[in-house]
Protein backbone atom coordinates (compact mmCIF):
# COMPACT_ATOMS: atom_id res chain seq x y z
CA MET A 1 26.19 6.06 3.52
CA LEU A 2 24.83 6.04 -0.30
CA GLU A 3 22.31 8.76 -0.03
CA ASP A 4 26.00 10.57 1.52
CA GLU A 5 27.50 10.23 -1.93
CA GLY A 6 24.04 11.74 -4.24
CA VAL A 7 22.67 8.45 -4.35
CA HIS A 8 19.07 8.02 -4.46
CA VAL A 9 17.88 4.43 -2.12
CA ARG A 10 14.35 3.62 -2.05
CA VAL A 11 13.18 0.75 -0.52
CA ARG A 12 10.01 -2.17 -1.32
CA ASP A 13 9.34 -2.85 1.91
CA GLU A 14 6.54 -5.16 3.30
CA TYR A 15 5.37 -5.60 7.52
CA LEU A 16 4.95 -9.18 9.21
CA LEU A 17 2.09 -9.37 10.79
CA ASP A 18 1.41 -11.63 13.88
CA SER A 19 -1.43 -13.14 15.01
CA SER A 20 -3.09 -10.23 16.55
CA GLY A 21 -2.60 -8.07 12.99
CA GLU A 22 0.11 -6.37 14.29
CA ARG A 23 2.87 -5.04 12.95
CA THR A 24 5.93 -7.05 14.09
CA VAL A 25 8.65 -6.84 11.32
CA ARG A 26 9.79 -4.58 8.17
CA VAL A 27 11.43 -6.66 5.57
CA ILE A 28 12.87 -5.13 2.53
CA LYS A 29 12.14 -6.56 -0.86
CA ASP A 30 13.75 -4.71 -2.91
CA LEU A 31 16.54 -2.35 -2.56
CA PHE A 32 16.90 -0.55 -6.13
CA TRP A 33 19.90 2.72 -6.26
CA MET A 34 20.25 5.37 -9.47
CA SER A 35 23.18 7.87 -9.14
CA ALA A 36 22.21 11.37 -10.63
CA GLU A 37 25.25 10.68 -13.33
CA GLN A 38 22.39 7.46 -14.30
CA ILE A 39 19.70 9.87 -13.63
CA LYS A 40 20.77 12.50 -16.46
CA LEU A 41 21.76 9.25 -18.78
CA ALA A 42 17.89 7.59 -18.15
CA ARG A 43 17.12 10.77 -19.75
CA ARG A 44 19.18 12.14 -22.89
CA PHE A 45 18.75 7.33 -23.63
CA VAL A 46 15.80 6.10 -22.18
CA SER A 47 13.32 8.44 -22.30
CA GLY A 48 11.23 7.06 -25.69
CA PHE A 49 13.58 4.39 -26.37
CA MET A 50 14.51 1.20 -24.60
CA TYR A 51 16.58 -0.40 -21.61
CA GLU A 52 17.63 -3.09 -20.79
CA THR A 53 17.16 -6.08 -17.58
CA ASP A 54 18.22 -8.81 -16.71
CA ALA A 55 19.11 -10.54 -12.96
CA THR A 56 23.06 -12.28 -12.04
CA PHE A 57 22.16 -15.01 -9.22
CA ASN A 58 24.15 -16.28 -6.48
CA THR A 59 26.53 -13.47 -6.72
CA ASN A 60 27.10 -11.91 -3.40
CA ARG A 61 26.85 -13.30 0.57
CA LEU A 62 23.01 -12.12 0.97
CA LYS A 63 22.29 -14.24 -2.24
CA LEU A 64 20.16 -12.10 -3.36
CA PRO A 65 19.29 -11.49 -7.17
CA LEU A 66 21.28 -7.76 -8.02
CA SER A 67 18.91 -6.57 -11.79
CA VAL A 68 20.10 -3.89 -13.92
CA MET A 69 18.91 -1.44 -16.37
CA VAL A 70 20.67 -0.52 -19.20
CA GLY A 71 20.35 1.88 -22.18
CA ILE A 72 22.60 2.07 -25.27
CA ASP A 73 24.09 5.84 -25.92
CA ASN A 74 24.55 7.40 -29.43
CA CYS A 75 27.99 5.87 -29.65
CA GLY A 76 26.55 2.54 -29.45
CA ARG A 77 28.51 1.49 -25.97
CA THR A 78 26.05 0.25 -23.07
CA PHE A 79 25.59 2.23 -19.25
CA PRO A 80 24.87 1.06 -16.26
CA ALA A 81 21.37 3.22 -15.47
CA ALA A 82 19.88 1.45 -12.77
CA TYR A 83 20.33 -1.38 -9.72
CA CYS A 84 17.84 -3.11 -7.88
CA TYR A 85 18.84 -5.60 -5.45
CA ILE A 86 15.82 -8.11 -5.39
CA THR A 87 14.25 -11.01 -4.25
CA SER A 88 12.29 -12.24 -6.47
CA GLU A 89 11.97 -11.79 -10.69
CA SER A 90 8.15 -11.29 -9.36
CA ALA A 91 5.53 -9.30 -11.23
CA ALA A 92 6.39 -6.30 -7.92
CA SER A 93 9.45 -6.11 -8.03
CA PHE A 94 9.60 -5.61 -11.86
CA LYS A 95 6.67 -3.04 -11.04
CA PHE A 96 8.49 -1.09 -8.27
CA VAL A 97 11.87 -0.57 -10.02
CA ALA A 98 9.78 1.45 -13.34
CA ASP A 99 7.56 3.56 -10.78
CA GLN A 100 11.50 4.52 -9.16
CA LEU A 101 12.36 4.75 -13.07
CA SER A 102 9.81 7.57 -13.59
CA ASP A 103 9.11 9.26 -10.11
CA LEU A 104 13.27 9.73 -10.64
CA ALA A 105 14.34 10.12 -14.09
CA PHE A 106 11.06 10.13 -16.40
CA TYR A 107 9.17 12.71 -14.11
CA ASP A 108 8.70 14.96 -17.39
CA CYS A 109 10.15 12.97 -19.89
CA PRO A 110 8.46 9.92 -21.81
CA GLU A 111 9.28 6.66 -20.63
CA ALA A 112 10.93 4.16 -22.22
CA ALA A 113 9.42 2.85 -25.08
CA VAL A 114 10.22 -0.84 -24.46
CA VAL A 115 12.15 -3.22 -21.94
CA VAL A 116 14.29 -5.85 -22.54
CA GLY A 117 14.26 -8.77 -20.94
CA ASP A 118 14.75 -12.43 -20.48
CA PHE A 119 11.76 -14.78 -20.33
CA SER A 120 11.31 -14.34 -16.54
CA LYS A 121 7.89 -14.64 -15.39
CA GLY A 122 7.24 -11.22 -13.28
CA LEU A 123 8.17 -9.61 -17.33
């Protein structure tokens, strides 16, 4: 449904293995999304500058943290640059988000020079 509206959706997944080493179940670990407008804003205001990231907890039925990356525009207002449902604030989740931002927004321009966040273990 999101992709039908032009939103770029990316998934980090893992497979559970049975006792013989065969894949049994695909488990989605992180679900990242970013609209075309968010990409445009990130390229203009986050590239070479900064974004801030933080996650909300227990605010949805699935109890998944929602990680929000925000940038600051030239008027000093924050804007949501990207969103990601994560299973934990792990280094793998932060790397996944950074990789998606690089792939979608910063593929031919500088990445954010600074990432601002709290003292989450994975950051």
